């Protein structure tokens, strides 16, 4: 069964760090783009970051630029989102997703392009 399995997340105080993992099962993350999205209660899901598998080009939303870092490990067939200096407004359900139709990440924010999604993991930033 082809799926994306997420791990990580949890609760942290403002200024803290967390790392999210997204591992592909049943298929290889050899091509395409992996994106991270998040959805806060009562809000629409938004794009956070993405990385292309071909040349590891990275993309970030302005709200997380300089604080979050996306990376991939081909040997582990996984992508990671390191989140530093977390703020209460980062609180959301985070999803990873995969698309093969946009290998250069040109439309990385377009959720409709992604055809495989992880199960979601909660990140809560609160004092």
Foldseek 3Di string as FASTA:
>chain_A
DWAWAKDKADEEAAQAKIKMKIAIDPDALQFFKKWKWWDDPPGDIWTAKMAANPPRDIDGDPVQPPFWDKDDDRVRRMIMIIGGSDDQVVWTWMKMFTARVCRPCPVVGDPVRTDHMYPTDTHGYHD
